[in-house]
Structure formats: structure tokens, C-alpha cells
Amino acid sequence: MDTNALIDLVHEVQGQLWVDKVNETHRTGRLCQWVSTFHPDKLPCRLDGTFHHGAFNAGLKMVAMEVAALGFIRDRITIPVPTIYVWGLASSNPLGLSLFIMMDFINSVSLGDFFWDSSADRPSRVMREDIYNCDVKSIYRQLVNFLFQIFKLDFDEIGSLLLPQTGVYNPILPQPLTFKLYSILQNGGRFAITTEYFQYIIRQDWEQLVHQLNLIINKYNAKNKYIYNCYKFKLICNDLSLANLIVCSKGDFTVVRVLLQDRPVNSIWDYEGKETPKLAIWYFKYLDIFVYVLEEEEGKMPGYKEREISSLVKWLQASGSMWLYILLLSGFNNYCSFSFTRLC
């Protein structure tokens, strides 16, 4: 997504100041001392390796929604998300490090450490070519079963989860927690209600559907594209990918944790001239594997004999709608981007 470069520079400076503050509190020993105060037995702690901070620090609402979502998932389904022991506001942090979340430590490894080629000329979060298909299927099989569990959860309203006051989670915050929304918020955008957010992204990107006549097959198809059908709302993590998975070891790809991390953006997707990016071949290969595993697992699930989800994925691929969704998710239209060219 194209952003204001001046605001980006401000964020970079703010981020570096925060990093410096974290390093200083760790150097003086205050960071570990403070963390130990939350342990029931006040046991000492230490920093394991280095630290990493993400790009989306959008304040209280985002932290509260993330805590609520993780708690909801742990209470209702069996996806192995982290246990959150404590979280707090900036006012609760005596070190001046702003909002915080403390969760369980898992002595495992990120799937990306094995699937990505860190020695490439242009390192990116793209799966290596030499990964065995059987390993990919094993990961996809676990991911698909996580998605089935999430799909079973229904909500009457759209929005984001709040922490329960009476034991019931309610999606009553005015804004959904999405990748694109917080990219916009980080760069100065503000929305009062959910409808305003959707109207904004539609005004930005939906003009392509209005003006690109070859997206419409016939009158019936055009009508279906604009009719809103009232269904139950679903819990969606729109940056869920292999980068979110923590596995046991290099030889054991059993997923032990699913984390909320930043969504990878790869410039190697972009066209250079008229040549199709090589990544497209890999993408469609692994998409076919994913759909195969999805169909296979869906056939085993009670209540999914009609293969509703795999049929929907196939329709998204055949109709080209998947590329439109990627554009709406990732930001403004870019004539060099692979997704944009698939719709042209």
C-alpha cells in the first residue's frame, strides 16, 4: 500500500527510540526484574536471544482485541494459540515501554526458519523450491483443520472481540482488526464505524469492478456481485499464513503454536516488464496442493460432505475473485503487482 513517506519516517524514528529504550532497560537489568514481578513465585527471568517488534502498534484497541481473540480461541476450539498470563496499558508499565502482553514461552522454532531461503540474493518469505511435497502437505493438513475449527464459529455482528465482562465475548467494537485497516490507521486514517471503513476501501479499490467490464459475465453474474446476502459472520485472521506457525523441530513439523504476526509482503511478486514472475509457478503449484488437502480433509469432517469450503475456494480461483480480495486486503492498485495483472 502506498503511504505517506514523511509519516513513515516519523514511525521509523519512534520505533528506534522505543528499541533504544528496551535495550537500555535490559542492559540495566530492569526489564527482567519487572517481568519477574508477574510470576506467582517471583522467579528470575532472562531474555532468550534478541527481541522483535512488529509494524502494527496501533494502541489499546488493537492489544485488547488481540488478547480477546486469543482467549476466545483457547476457550472454544483446540488451535494451539499462546496462553496470555498478563497484559496491560501503558500506565501499568513502570518502564515506560507502553502497552504489553506476556504469554507462555515455547522452546520451538518458526516454520519460516526451514521453509525460507535466508541466503537468497533477495531474502523474502517465499517457500524454498527444494521443500518436499509431503512436508508441505503435512503443514497444510494442520492449517486446514485450524481453519475448519474457526469456520464453525458464528457471530451475529461484524466488528472485533472485546474481553468478556460476563463470560460472553461480543464483537461490539466499531472497527474490525484487519491488516489493511491498521495500515491505514498507522498512517493517519480514522474511522468512527465499521461501515465507514468498508465504504472507504470500496471507494479506493472497487472502482475496478465498476469500470472493468470484462469482470462481468452476464446480467445474472453482475447482479450476484452486488447483492448482499445476510449470513452469519465468521472469525477471520486475514494475515494467517505459514509464517504464523511454530513447529517442534526441523524433523518434526507438528504445529505447537499459532501466533499473530505481521503479514509478509514480497516485492518479487511484481512484474518487471512483461515477464511473468517466476514465483507464479510456485504459487499455483502450492495452491493446487492446498486445495487437494482441503478437499481431502473436508471429506472427513462431519457436516461438510457437500465440500462447501473447498468448492468456494475453487470458485474464487476460477472466477478471479481471489485476486480482487488480495487487492482489497493489501492496498492500492499497482499495475506491476501480480494480483492486479491477473484481473486485467
Protein backbone atom coordinates (compact mmCIF):
# COMPACT_ATOMS: atom_id res chain seq x y z
CA MET A 1 0.00 0.00 0.00
CA ASP A 2 1.35 3.44 -0.90
CA THR A 3 1.86 5.51 2.23
CA ASN A 4 2.98 8.97 3.26
CA ALA A 5 6.78 8.78 3.32
CA LEU A 6 7.03 11.58 5.89
CA ILE A 7 4.78 9.69 8.31
CA ASP A 8 6.77 6.52 7.66
CA LEU A 9 9.95 8.36 8.65
CA VAL A 10 8.31 9.54 11.86
CA HIS A 11 7.34 5.94 12.64
CA GLU A 12 10.90 4.75 11.98
CA VAL A 13 12.30 7.31 14.41
CA GLN A 14 9.66 6.47 17.02
CA GLY A 15 10.39 2.77 16.59
CA GLN A 16 14.12 3.26 17.00
CA LEU A 17 13.60 5.35 20.13
CA TRP A 18 11.49 2.54 21.55
CA VAL A 19 14.17 -0.05 20.64
CA ASP A 20 16.80 2.08 22.37
CA LYS A 21 14.63 2.28 25.47
CA VAL A 22 14.12 -1.51 25.52
CA ASN A 23 17.86 -2.09 25.12
CA GLU A 24 18.61 0.30 27.96
CA THR A 25 16.11 -1.30 30.36
CA HIS A 26 17.57 -4.71 29.51
CA ARG A 27 21.17 -3.52 29.94
CA THR A 28 20.42 -2.15 33.39
CA GLY A 29 18.54 -5.31 34.42
CA ARG A 30 15.23 -3.53 34.98
CA LEU A 31 13.36 -5.36 32.21
CA CYS A 32 13.82 -8.87 33.65
CA GLN A 33 13.20 -7.62 37.19
CA TRP A 34 9.88 -6.13 36.16
CA VAL A 35 8.78 -9.25 34.25
CA SER A 36 9.58 -11.41 37.31
CA THR A 37 7.06 -9.47 39.37
CA PHE A 38 4.24 -11.11 37.37
CA HIS A 39 5.36 -14.67 38.17
CA PRO A 40 3.40 -16.19 41.09
CA ASP A 41 6.67 -17.25 42.74
CA LYS A 42 8.62 -14.17 41.57
CA LEU A 43 11.14 -16.42 39.81
CA PRO A 44 14.00 -14.66 37.98
CA CYS A 45 13.83 -14.47 34.20
CA ARG A 46 16.23 -13.87 31.33
CA LEU A 47 15.95 -12.69 27.74
CA ASP A 48 16.15 -15.58 25.30
CA GLY A 49 18.00 -14.33 22.23
CA THR A 50 17.04 -10.94 20.89
CA PHE A 51 13.66 -9.25 20.54
CA HIS A 52 11.48 -8.38 17.57
CA HIS A 53 8.84 -5.70 17.28
CA GLY A 54 6.16 -5.72 14.60
CA ALA A 55 4.98 -2.93 12.37
CA PHE A 56 1.48 -2.59 13.80
CA ASN A 57 1.45 -0.86 17.16
CA ALA A 58 -1.96 0.77 16.90
CA GLY A 59 -2.61 1.24 20.59
CA LEU A 60 -5.03 0.00 23.20
CA LYS A 61 -7.80 -1.24 20.91
CA MET A 62 -5.51 -3.49 18.92
CA VAL A 63 -3.91 -5.01 22.01
CA ALA A 64 -7.29 -5.56 23.68
CA MET A 65 -8.71 -7.18 20.53
CA GLU A 66 -5.69 -9.47 20.16
CA VAL A 67 -5.91 -10.57 23.79
CA ALA A 68 -9.66 -11.17 23.45
CA ALA A 69 -9.28 -13.15 20.22
CA LEU A 70 -6.57 -15.41 21.65
CA GLY A 71 -8.61 -16.01 24.79
CA PHE A 72 -11.74 -16.77 22.77
CA ILE A 73 -9.89 -19.30 20.60
CA ARG A 74 -8.38 -21.07 23.62
CA ASP A 75 -11.81 -21.28 25.29
CA ARG A 76 -13.79 -22.54 22.29
CA ILE A 77 -11.54 -24.59 20.00
CA THR A 78 -8.25 -26.52 20.05
CA ILE A 79 -5.98 -24.32 17.92
CA PRO A 80 -2.72 -24.07 19.92
CA VAL A 81 -2.53 -20.31 20.43
CA PRO A 82 -0.36 -18.91 23.25
CA THR A 83 -1.65 -18.58 26.79
CA ILE A 84 -1.67 -14.94 27.87
CA TYR A 85 -0.75 -14.53 31.53
CA VAL A 86 -0.93 -10.76 31.82
CA TRP A 87 -1.39 -7.70 29.68
CA GLY A 88 -1.65 -4.06 30.49
CA LEU A 89 -1.88 -0.44 29.47
CA ALA A 90 0.99 2.00 29.14
CA SER A 91 0.08 3.37 32.57
CA SER A 92 0.71 -0.09 34.04
CA ASN A 93 4.23 -0.24 32.64
CA PRO A 94 6.69 1.49 35.01
CA LEU A 95 9.49 1.16 32.45
CA GLY A 96 7.73 3.50 30.03
CA LEU A 97 7.62 0.84 27.30
CA SER A 98 3.92 1.36 26.58
CA LEU A 99 1.34 -1.46 26.22
CA PHE A 100 2.43 -5.02 26.84
CA ILE A 101 1.34 -8.66 26.57
CA MET A 102 3.09 -11.54 28.36
CA MET A 103 2.46 -15.05 27.12
CA ASP A 104 3.92 -18.52 27.55
CA PHE A 105 7.38 -19.29 26.18
CA ILE A 106 7.58 -22.17 23.69
CA ASN A 107 11.01 -23.67 23.13
CA SER A 108 10.40 -24.46 19.47
CA VAL A 109 11.19 -22.98 16.08
CA SER A 110 9.42 -20.91 13.44
CA LEU A 111 8.40 -22.79 10.33
CA GLY A 112 9.93 -19.95 8.34
CA ASP A 113 13.39 -20.94 9.55
CA PHE A 114 13.09 -24.12 7.47
CA PHE A 115 10.87 -23.07 4.59
CA TRP A 116 12.50 -19.77 3.63
CA ASP A 117 15.83 -19.26 1.88
CA SER A 118 17.69 -16.73 4.01
CA SER A 119 20.79 -16.98 1.77
CA ALA A 120 19.00 -15.77 -1.37
CA ASP A 121 20.14 -12.61 -3.14
CA ARG A 122 16.80 -11.07 -2.22
CA PRO A 123 15.71 -12.81 1.00
CA SER A 124 11.93 -12.99 1.32
CA ARG A 125 9.20 -15.02 2.96
CA VAL A 126 8.83 -17.30 -0.05
CA MET A 127 8.97 -21.07 0.29
CA ARG A 128 12.16 -22.70 -0.98
CA GLU A 129 11.93 -24.81 -4.14
CA ASP A 130 13.52 -27.88 -2.53
CA ILE A 131 10.84 -28.38 0.15
CA TYR A 132 9.34 -31.88 -0.10
CA ASN A 133 5.67 -32.02 -1.10
CA CYS A 134 4.96 -34.44 1.75
CA ASP A 135 6.18 -31.83 4.27
CA VAL A 136 4.05 -29.15 2.63
CA LYS A 137 1.01 -31.44 2.79
CA SER A 138 1.65 -32.15 6.47
CA ILE A 139 1.67 -28.44 7.27
CA TYR A 140 -1.34 -27.69 5.07
CA ARG A 141 -3.29 -30.53 6.69
CA GLN A 142 -2.83 -29.00 10.12
CA LEU A 143 -3.58 -25.49 8.84
CA VAL A 144 -6.76 -26.68 7.11
CA ASN A 145 -8.04 -28.27 10.31
CA PHE A 146 -7.41 -25.00 12.16
CA LEU A 147 -9.44 -23.18 9.50
CA PHE A 148 -12.31 -25.67 9.82
CA GLN A 149 -12.50 -25.05 13.55
CA ILE A 150 -12.56 -21.28 13.07
CA PHE A 151 -15.22 -21.56 10.35
CA LYS A 152 -17.61 -23.26 12.78
CA LEU A 153 -17.77 -20.14 14.96
CA ASP A 154 -20.70 -17.83 14.16
CA PHE A 155 -21.29 -14.19 15.12
CA ASP A 156 -24.38 -12.03 14.72
CA GLU A 157 -22.46 -8.78 14.24
CA ILE A 158 -19.37 -7.61 12.43
CA GLY A 159 -16.55 -5.97 14.35
CA SER A 160 -13.90 -7.17 16.77
CA LEU A 161 -13.94 -9.12 20.01
CA LEU A 162 -13.87 -7.42 23.37
CA LEU A 163 -12.71 -9.02 26.59
CA PRO A 164 -15.71 -10.60 28.33
CA GLN A 165 -17.23 -8.84 31.30
CA THR A 166 -19.85 -11.53 31.90
CA GLY A 167 -18.16 -14.57 30.36
CA VAL A 168 -19.52 -13.79 26.88
CA TYR A 169 -17.40 -12.46 24.03
CA ASN A 170 -19.12 -9.78 21.95
CA PRO A 171 -17.93 -8.31 18.64
CA ILE A 172 -19.04 -4.78 19.55
CA LEU A 173 -16.01 -2.64 18.80
CA PRO A 174 -16.73 -0.36 15.85
CA GLN A 175 -13.73 -1.48 13.79
CA PRO A 176 -12.62 -4.93 12.62
CA LEU A 177 -8.98 -5.79 13.26
CA THR A 178 -7.66 -6.19 9.71
CA PHE A 179 -4.28 -5.81 8.07
CA LYS A 180 -5.47 -3.04 5.78
CA LEU A 181 -7.36 -1.12 8.44
CA TYR A 182 -4.34 -0.81 10.68
CA SER A 183 -2.10 0.08 7.79
CA ILE A 184 -4.48 2.99 7.21
CA LEU A 185 -4.75 3.90 10.89
CA GLN A 186 -0.98 3.85 11.26
CA ASN A 187 -0.76 6.48 8.54
CA GLY A 188 -3.32 8.85 9.97
CA GLY A 189 -6.70 7.45 8.85
CA ARG A 190 -9.57 7.25 11.34
CA PHE A 191 -12.97 5.57 11.16
CA ALA A 192 -15.88 6.03 13.53
CA ILE A 193 -17.87 2.96 12.49
CA THR A 194 -17.32 -0.29 10.59
CA THR A 195 -19.50 0.86 7.68
CA GLU A 196 -17.27 3.88 7.18
CA TYR A 197 -14.21 1.60 6.95
CA PHE A 198 -15.77 -0.61 4.28
CA GLN A 199 -17.03 2.38 2.33
CA TYR A 200 -13.51 3.79 2.37
CA ILE A 201 -11.78 0.70 0.98
CA ILE A 202 -14.58 0.23 -1.56
CA ARG A 203 -14.10 3.78 -2.81
CA GLN A 204 -10.38 3.11 -3.10
CA ASP A 205 -10.39 -0.24 -4.87
CA TRP A 206 -13.88 -1.17 -6.01
CA GLU A 207 -13.83 1.20 -8.98
CA GLN A 208 -12.02 -1.53 -10.84
CA LEU A 209 -15.12 -3.69 -10.68
CA VAL A 210 -17.29 -0.78 -11.86
CA HIS A 211 -15.15 0.23 -14.80
CA GLN A 212 -13.62 -3.09 -15.88
CA LEU A 213 -16.43 -4.54 -17.94
CA ASN A 214 -14.75 -7.88 -18.63
CA LEU A 215 -15.23 -8.84 -14.95
CA ILE A 216 -18.95 -9.25 -15.65
CA ILE A 217 -20.11 -12.38 -17.47
CA ASN A 218 -23.82 -11.64 -17.83
CA LYS A 219 -26.73 -9.87 -16.13
CA TYR A 220 -27.19 -12.65 -13.58
CA ASN A 221 -23.48 -12.64 -12.72
CA ALA A 222 -23.43 -8.87 -12.35
CA LYS A 223 -26.46 -8.94 -10.06
CA ASN A 224 -24.85 -11.56 -7.82
CA LYS A 225 -21.71 -9.48 -7.47
CA TYR A 226 -23.65 -6.61 -5.93
CA ILE A 227 -26.32 -8.38 -3.89
CA TYR A 228 -25.60 -8.63 -0.18
CA ASN A 229 -26.73 -11.90 1.38
CA CYS A 230 -27.28 -11.98 5.14
CA TYR A 231 -25.21 -14.80 6.60
CA LYS A 232 -23.56 -15.33 9.95
CA PHE A 233 -20.25 -13.53 10.40
CA LYS A 234 -17.06 -15.52 10.88
CA LEU A 235 -13.89 -15.07 12.89
CA ILE A 236 -11.20 -14.23 10.34
CA CYS A 237 -7.46 -13.76 10.68
CA ASN A 238 -6.58 -12.14 7.38
CA ASP A 239 -2.83 -12.46 7.85
CA LEU A 240 -2.81 -16.16 8.80
CA SER A 241 -0.01 -17.87 6.86
CA LEU A 242 2.84 -20.34 7.32
CA ALA A 243 4.79 -17.50 8.95
CA ASN A 244 2.43 -17.77 11.93
CA LEU A 245 3.24 -21.40 12.68
CA ILE A 246 5.68 -22.63 15.34
CA VAL A 247 6.75 -26.27 14.92
CA CYS A 248 8.60 -28.79 17.09
CA SER A 249 11.82 -29.12 15.08
CA LYS A 250 13.32 -29.49 11.63
CA GLY A 251 12.40 -33.17 11.55
CA ASP A 252 9.00 -32.78 13.20
CA PHE A 253 6.62 -30.26 11.62
CA THR A 254 3.93 -30.72 14.25
CA VAL A 255 2.47 -27.26 14.90
CA VAL A 256 2.73 -26.39 18.58
CA ARG A 257 1.70 -22.72 18.43
CA VAL A 258 -0.14 -20.37 16.10
CA LEU A 259 0.98 -16.77 16.53
CA LEU A 260 -0.31 -13.41 15.32
CA GLN A 261 2.48 -11.86 13.27
CA ASP A 262 2.91 -9.30 10.52
CA ARG A 263 1.72 -10.24 7.08
CA PRO A 264 4.64 -10.72 4.64
CA VAL A 265 4.74 -8.58 1.53
CA ASN A 266 7.02 -9.76 -1.27
CA SER A 267 8.21 -7.40 -3.96
CA ILE A 268 9.33 -10.38 -6.06
CA TRP A 269 5.63 -10.83 -6.91
CA ASP A 270 5.85 -7.69 -9.03
CA TYR A 271 6.18 -7.80 -12.79
CA GLU A 272 9.37 -6.47 -14.36
CA GLY A 273 8.30 -5.53 -17.85
CA LYS A 274 6.02 -8.13 -19.43
CA GLU A 275 7.74 -11.20 -17.99
CA THR A 276 5.62 -13.24 -15.58
CA PRO A 277 7.39 -13.52 -12.19
CA LYS A 278 8.87 -16.97 -11.55
CA LEU A 279 7.09 -17.01 -8.21
CA ALA A 280 3.78 -17.52 -10.04
CA ILE A 281 4.75 -21.11 -10.95
CA TRP A 282 5.47 -21.96 -7.31
CA TYR A 283 2.33 -20.22 -6.12
CA PHE A 284 -0.03 -22.22 -8.35
CA LYS A 285 1.81 -25.44 -7.51
CA TYR A 286 1.28 -24.96 -3.78
CA LEU A 287 -2.25 -23.65 -4.31
CA ASP A 288 -3.12 -26.93 -6.05
CA ILE A 289 -1.62 -28.87 -3.14
CA PHE A 290 -3.58 -26.78 -0.65
CA VAL A 291 -6.89 -27.32 -2.47
CA TYR A 292 -6.18 -31.07 -2.72
CA VAL A 293 -5.54 -31.30 1.03
CA LEU A 294 -8.57 -29.09 1.75
CA GLU A 295 -10.88 -31.36 -0.26
CA GLU A 296 -9.44 -34.47 1.35
CA GLU A 297 -9.81 -33.17 4.91
CA GLU A 298 -13.24 -31.67 4.23
CA GLY A 299 -14.47 -35.08 3.14
CA LYS A 300 -13.57 -36.44 6.57
CA MET A 301 -15.38 -33.68 8.51
CA PRO A 302 -18.93 -34.31 9.78
CA GLY A 303 -21.33 -31.85 8.19
CA TYR A 304 -19.02 -30.99 5.27
CA LYS A 305 -19.99 -33.73 2.82
CA GLU A 306 -21.04 -31.09 0.28
CA ARG A 307 -17.46 -29.75 0.35
CA GLU A 308 -18.75 -26.21 0.78
CA ILE A 309 -15.39 -24.65 1.68
CA SER A 310 -13.26 -26.34 -1.00
CA SER A 311 -15.92 -25.52 -3.60
CA LEU A 312 -15.79 -21.88 -2.53
CA VAL A 313 -12.00 -21.82 -2.84
CA LYS A 314 -12.22 -23.32 -6.32
CA TRP A 315 -14.83 -20.75 -7.34
CA LEU A 316 -12.63 -17.92 -6.04
CA GLN A 317 -9.78 -19.24 -8.14
CA ALA A 318 -11.82 -19.87 -11.31
CA SER A 319 -13.71 -16.56 -11.19
CA GLY A 320 -10.65 -14.45 -10.37
CA SER A 321 -12.32 -13.16 -7.20
CA MET A 322 -9.33 -14.27 -5.12
CA TRP A 323 -7.18 -11.65 -6.82
CA LEU A 324 -9.73 -8.93 -6.11
CA TYR A 325 -9.76 -9.91 -2.43
CA ILE A 326 -5.96 -9.76 -2.31
CA LEU A 327 -6.06 -6.25 -3.77
CA LEU A 328 -8.67 -5.15 -1.24
CA LEU A 329 -6.57 -6.68 1.53
CA SER A 330 -3.14 -5.46 0.63
CA GLY A 331 -3.83 -1.93 -0.52
CA PHE A 332 -3.97 0.32 -3.52
CA ASN A 333 -3.91 -0.98 -7.07
CA ASN A 334 -0.43 -1.36 -8.51
CA TYR A 335 -0.12 -2.09 -12.21
CA CYS A 336 3.09 -4.04 -11.56
CA SER A 337 1.61 -6.33 -8.90
CA PHE A 338 0.83 -9.91 -9.84
CA SER A 339 -2.69 -9.78 -8.35
CA PHE A 340 -3.57 -6.65 -10.31
CA THR A 341 -2.37 -8.11 -13.61
CA ARG A 342 -4.46 -11.27 -13.08
CA LEU A 343 -7.58 -9.12 -13.20
CA CYS A 344 -6.60 -7.01 -16.19
